[in-house]
Amino acid sequence: MAQAVGIVEVYGLTAAFVAGDAGCKAADVTLEIFDKNKPANADSLPVPLIVVIKFRGSVAAVEEAVQAACEAAKTVSGVVTYHVIPQPLEGTDKMLKISGLDKS
Protein backbone atom coordinates (compact mmCIF):
# COMPACT_ATOMS: atom_id res chain seq x y z
CA MET A 1 0.00 0.00 0.00
CA ALA A 2 1.30 3.46 -0.88
CA GLN A 3 2.22 5.93 1.82
CA ALA A 4 -0.02 8.93 2.40
CA VAL A 5 1.01 12.21 0.81
CA GLY A 6 0.59 15.71 2.15
CA ILE A 7 0.78 18.70 -0.16
CA VAL A 8 1.29 22.26 1.05
CA GLU A 9 1.49 25.24 -1.32
CA VAL A 10 3.25 28.31 0.09
CA TYR A 11 4.39 31.71 -1.13
CA GLY A 12 8.12 31.62 -1.90
CA LEU A 13 11.09 29.33 -1.51
CA THR A 14 12.03 30.59 1.96
CA ALA A 15 8.60 29.68 3.30
CA ALA A 16 8.92 26.27 1.61
CA PHE A 17 12.18 25.51 3.41
CA VAL A 18 10.79 26.70 6.74
CA ALA A 19 7.60 24.66 6.23
CA GLY A 20 9.46 21.53 5.10
CA ASP A 21 11.78 21.74 8.08
CA ALA A 22 8.89 22.19 10.52
CA GLY A 23 6.94 19.30 9.02
CA CYS A 24 9.88 16.91 9.18
CA LYS A 25 10.62 17.89 12.78
CA ALA A 26 6.99 17.45 13.82
CA ALA A 27 6.44 13.95 12.44
CA ASP A 28 8.10 10.88 10.98
CA VAL A 29 7.79 11.87 7.32
CA THR A 30 10.03 12.25 4.31
CA LEU A 31 10.07 15.06 1.78
CA GLU A 32 9.48 14.55 -1.91
CA ILE A 33 11.05 16.99 -4.36
CA PHE A 34 9.66 20.56 -4.17
CA ASP A 35 7.78 21.96 -7.14
CA LYS A 36 7.10 25.53 -8.24
CA ASN A 37 4.45 27.50 -10.03
CA LYS A 38 4.45 31.11 -11.16
CA PRO A 39 0.78 31.93 -11.71
CA ALA A 40 -0.49 34.48 -14.19
CA ASN A 41 -1.40 36.87 -11.37
CA ALA A 42 2.07 36.60 -9.77
CA ASP A 43 2.52 40.37 -9.51
CA SER A 44 -0.51 40.65 -7.23
CA LEU A 45 0.69 37.93 -4.81
CA PRO A 46 2.67 38.50 -1.58
CA VAL A 47 5.58 36.62 -3.21
CA PRO A 48 5.44 35.98 -6.99
CA LEU A 49 6.32 32.29 -6.72
CA ILE A 50 4.28 29.43 -5.30
CA VAL A 51 6.24 26.41 -4.04
CA VAL A 52 4.74 22.99 -3.32
CA ILE A 53 6.05 20.92 -0.41
CA LYS A 54 5.23 17.20 -0.50
CA PHE A 55 5.42 14.95 2.59
CA ARG A 56 5.21 11.13 2.62
CA GLY A 57 4.48 8.81 5.53
CA SER A 58 1.61 7.33 7.52
CA VAL A 59 -1.68 9.22 7.41
CA ALA A 60 -1.32 10.45 11.00
CA ALA A 61 2.29 11.54 10.49
CA VAL A 62 1.50 13.34 7.25
CA GLU A 63 -1.45 15.15 8.82
CA GLU A 64 0.79 16.28 11.69
CA ALA A 65 3.54 17.38 9.28
CA VAL A 66 1.10 19.34 7.12
CA GLN A 67 -0.31 21.14 10.16
CA ALA A 68 3.17 22.07 11.40
CA ALA A 69 4.24 23.16 7.90
CA CYS A 70 1.19 25.42 7.53
CA GLU A 71 1.78 27.05 10.91
CA ALA A 72 5.45 27.66 10.07
CA ALA A 73 4.76 29.02 6.58
CA LYS A 74 2.21 31.49 7.95
CA THR A 75 5.02 33.13 9.95
CA VAL A 76 7.02 33.75 6.76
CA SER A 77 4.75 34.60 3.85
CA GLY A 78 1.62 32.47 3.96
CA VAL A 79 -0.09 29.31 2.78
CA VAL A 80 -1.98 29.05 -0.51
CA THR A 81 -3.62 25.68 0.19
CA TYR A 82 -2.94 22.21 1.59
CA HIS A 83 -4.31 18.69 1.27
CA VAL A 84 -3.66 15.14 2.52
CA ILE A 85 -4.20 12.12 0.26
CA PRO A 86 -4.43 9.01 2.48
CA GLN A 87 -4.05 6.41 -0.29
CA PRO A 88 -2.66 7.90 -3.51
CA LEU A 89 -3.10 5.92 -6.71
CA GLU A 90 -0.12 4.90 -8.85
CA GLY A 91 -0.73 7.81 -11.24
CA THR A 92 -0.67 10.25 -8.34
CA ASP A 93 2.66 8.79 -7.20
CA LYS A 94 4.09 9.45 -10.67
CA MET A 95 2.91 13.07 -10.55
CA LEU A 96 4.71 13.59 -7.22
CA LYS A 97 8.04 13.14 -9.00
CA ILE A 98 7.43 16.13 -11.29
CA SER A 99 9.26 19.33 -10.43
CA GLY A 100 9.69 22.65 -12.20
CA LEU A 101 12.57 23.67 -9.93
CA ASP A 102 15.12 21.79 -12.02
CA LYS A 103 14.08 23.56 -15.23
CA SER A 104 15.01 27.03 -16.36
C-alpha atoms as a PDB file:
ATOM      1  CA  MET A   1       0.000   0.000   0.000  1.00  0.00           C
ATOM      2  CA  ALA A   2       1.296   3.461  -0.885  1.00  0.00           C
ATOM      3  CA  GLN A   3       2.217   5.931   1.816  1.00  0.00           C
ATOM      4  CA  ALA A   4      -0.021   8.932   2.401  1.00  0.00           C
ATOM      5  CA  VAL A   5       1.010  12.206   0.810  1.00  0.00           C
ATOM      6  CA  GLY A   6       0.585  15.710   2.149  1.00  0.00           C
ATOM      7  CA  ILE A   7       0.779  18.701  -0.160  1.00  0.00           C
ATOM      8  CA  VAL A   8       1.290  22.265   1.047  1.00  0.00           C
ATOM      9  CA  GLU A   9       1.493  25.242  -1.319  1.00  0.00           C
ATOM     10  CA  VAL A  10       3.252  28.314   0.085  1.00  0.00           C
ATOM     11  CA  TYR A  11       4.389  31.712  -1.131  1.00  0.00           C
ATOM     12  CA  GLY A  12       8.118  31.625  -1.896  1.00  0.00           C
ATOM     13  CA  LEU A  13      11.092  29.326  -1.505  1.00  0.00           C
ATOM     14  CA  THR A  14      12.031  30.588   1.963  1.00  0.00           C
ATOM     15  CA  ALA A  15       8.595  29.678   3.302  1.00  0.00           C
ATOM     16  CA  ALA A  16       8.922  26.273   1.612  1.00  0.00           C
ATOM     17  CA  PHE A  17      12.183  25.510   3.406  1.00  0.00           C
ATOM     18  CA  VAL A  18      10.787  26.698   6.735  1.00  0.00           C
ATOM     19  CA  ALA A  19       7.598  24.655   6.234  1.00  0.00           C
ATOM     20  CA  GLY A  20       9.455  21.534   5.097  1.00  0.00           C
ATOM     21  CA  ASP A  21      11.781  21.739   8.084  1.00  0.00           C
ATOM     22  CA  ALA A  22       8.894  22.188  10.519  1.00  0.00           C
ATOM     23  CA  GLY A  23       6.937  19.303   9.023  1.00  0.00           C
ATOM     24  CA  CYS A  24       9.879  16.909   9.184  1.00  0.00           C
ATOM     25  CA  LYS A  25      10.622  17.889  12.780  1.00  0.00           C
ATOM     26  CA  ALA A  26       6.993  17.450  13.824  1.00  0.00           C
ATOM     27  CA  ALA A  27       6.439  13.953  12.441  1.00  0.00           C
ATOM     28  CA  ASP A  28       8.100  10.875  10.984  1.00  0.00           C
ATOM     29  CA  VAL A  29       7.793  11.869   7.321  1.00  0.00           C
ATOM     30  CA  THR A  30      10.030  12.249   4.309  1.00  0.00           C
ATOM     31  CA  LEU A  31      10.070  15.062   1.782  1.00  0.00           C
ATOM     32  CA  GLU A  32       9.482  14.554  -1.910  1.00  0.00           C
ATOM     33  CA  ILE A  33      11.050  16.989  -4.361  1.00  0.00           C
ATOM     34  CA  PHE A  34       9.657  20.560  -4.167  1.00  0.00           C
ATOM     35  CA  ASP A  35       7.777  21.964  -7.141  1.00  0.00           C
ATOM     36  CA  LYS A  36       7.105  25.533  -8.243  1.00  0.00           C
ATOM     37  CA  ASN A  37       4.449  27.504 -10.026  1.00  0.00           C
ATOM     38  CA  LYS A  38       4.449  31.108 -11.163  1.00  0.00           C
ATOM     39  CA  PRO A  39       0.781  31.927 -11.711  1.00  0.00           C
ATOM     40  CA  ALA A  40      -0.486  34.483 -14.193  1.00  0.00           C
ATOM     41  CA  ASN A  41      -1.402  36.875 -11.366  1.00  0.00           C
ATOM     42  CA  ALA A  42       2.068  36.600  -9.773  1.00  0.00           C
ATOM     43  CA  ASP A  43       2.520  40.368  -9.506  1.00  0.00           C
ATOM     44  CA  SER A  44      -0.509  40.646  -7.229  1.00  0.00           C
ATOM     45  CA  LEU A  45       0.687  37.933  -4.806  1.00  0.00           C
ATOM     46  CA  PRO A  46       2.673  38.504  -1.577  1.00  0.00           C
ATOM     47  CA  VAL A  47       5.576  36.616  -3.211  1.00  0.00           C
ATOM     48  CA  PRO A  48       5.436  35.984  -6.993  1.00  0.00           C
ATOM     49  CA  LEU A  49       6.322  32.290  -6.718  1.00  0.00           C
ATOM     50  CA  ILE A  50       4.284  29.430  -5.299  1.00  0.00           C
ATOM     51  CA  VAL A  51       6.238  26.412  -4.044  1.00  0.00           C
ATOM     52  CA  VAL A  52       4.739  22.991  -3.319  1.00  0.00           C
ATOM     53  CA  ILE A  53       6.046  20.918  -0.413  1.00  0.00           C
ATOM     54  CA  LYS A  54       5.226  17.202  -0.501  1.00  0.00           C
ATOM     55  CA  PHE A  55       5.420  14.954   2.585  1.00  0.00           C
ATOM     56  CA  ARG A  56       5.209  11.133   2.617  1.00  0.00           C
ATOM     57  CA  GLY A  57       4.485   8.810   5.533  1.00  0.00           C
ATOM     58  CA  SER A  58       1.610   7.329   7.515  1.00  0.00           C
ATOM     59  CA  VAL A  59      -1.679   9.222   7.411  1.00  0.00           C
ATOM     60  CA  ALA A  60      -1.322  10.446  10.999  1.00  0.00           C
ATOM     61  CA  ALA A  61       2.294  11.538  10.492  1.00  0.00           C
ATOM     62  CA  VAL A  62       1.497  13.342   7.246  1.00  0.00           C
ATOM     63  CA  GLU A  63      -1.451  15.149   8.816  1.00  0.00           C
ATOM     64  CA  GLU A  64       0.790  16.283  11.686  1.00  0.00           C
ATOM     65  CA  ALA A  65       3.540  17.379   9.284  1.00  0.00           C
ATOM     66  CA  VAL A  66       1.098  19.344   7.122  1.00  0.00           C
ATOM     67  CA  GLN A  67      -0.314  21.136  10.162  1.00  0.00           C
ATOM     68  CA  ALA A  68       3.170  22.073  11.399  1.00  0.00           C
ATOM     69  CA  ALA A  69       4.237  23.155   7.902  1.00  0.00           C
ATOM     70  CA  CYS A  70       1.194  25.417   7.532  1.00  0.00           C
ATOM     71  CA  GLU A  71       1.780  27.047  10.910  1.00  0.00           C
ATOM     72  CA  ALA A  72       5.448  27.657  10.070  1.00  0.00           C
ATOM     73  CA  ALA A  73       4.765  29.022   6.576  1.00  0.00           C
ATOM     74  CA  LYS A  74       2.213  31.493   7.946  1.00  0.00           C
ATOM     75  CA  THR A  75       5.015  33.128   9.953  1.00  0.00           C
ATOM     76  CA  VAL A  76       7.023  33.749   6.758  1.00  0.00           C
ATOM     77  CA  SER A  77       4.745  34.605   3.846  1.00  0.00           C
ATOM     78  CA  GLY A  78       1.620  32.467   3.963  1.00  0.00           C
ATOM     79  CA  VAL A  79      -0.094  29.309   2.777  1.00  0.00           C
ATOM     80  CA  VAL A  80      -1.981  29.052  -0.507  1.00  0.00           C
ATOM     81  CA  THR A  81      -3.617  25.681   0.193  1.00  0.00           C
ATOM     82  CA  TYR A  82      -2.944  22.206   1.593  1.00  0.00           C
ATOM     83  CA  HIS A  83      -4.306  18.687   1.272  1.00  0.00           C
ATOM     84  CA  VAL A  84      -3.658  15.139   2.521  1.00  0.00           C
ATOM     85  CA  ILE A  85      -4.201  12.115   0.260  1.00  0.00           C
ATOM     86  CA  PRO A  86      -4.432   9.007   2.476  1.00  0.00           C
ATOM     87  CA  GLN A  87      -4.050   6.406  -0.293  1.00  0.00           C
ATOM     88  CA  PRO A  88      -2.665   7.899  -3.511  1.00  0.00           C
ATOM     89  CA  LEU A  89      -3.099   5.919  -6.710  1.00  0.00           C
ATOM     90  CA  GLU A  90      -0.123   4.905  -8.853  1.00  0.00           C
ATOM     91  CA  GLY A  91      -0.728   7.807 -11.243  1.00  0.00           C
ATOM     92  CA  THR A  92      -0.666  10.251  -8.343  1.00  0.00           C
ATOM     93  CA  ASP A  93       2.660   8.792  -7.196  1.00  0.00           C
ATOM     94  CA  LYS A  94       4.094   9.448 -10.672  1.00  0.00           C
ATOM     95  CA  MET A  95       2.905  13.067 -10.549  1.00  0.00           C
ATOM     96  CA  LEU A  96       4.705  13.585  -7.222  1.00  0.00           C
ATOM     97  CA  LYS A  97       8.043  13.135  -8.997  1.00  0.00           C
ATOM     98  CA  ILE A  98       7.426  16.130 -11.285  1.00  0.00           C
ATOM     99  CA  SER A  99       9.264  19.333 -10.426  1.00  0.00           C
ATOM    100  CA  GLY A 100       9.689  22.647 -12.197  1.00  0.00           C
ATOM    101  CA  LEU A 101      12.573  23.673  -9.927  1.00  0.00           C
ATOM    102  CA  ASP A 102      15.123  21.789 -12.021  1.00  0.00           C
ATOM    103  CA  LYS A 103      14.077  23.558 -15.227  1.00  0.00           C
ATOM    104  CA  SER A 104      15.006  27.026 -16.359  1.00  0.00           C
END
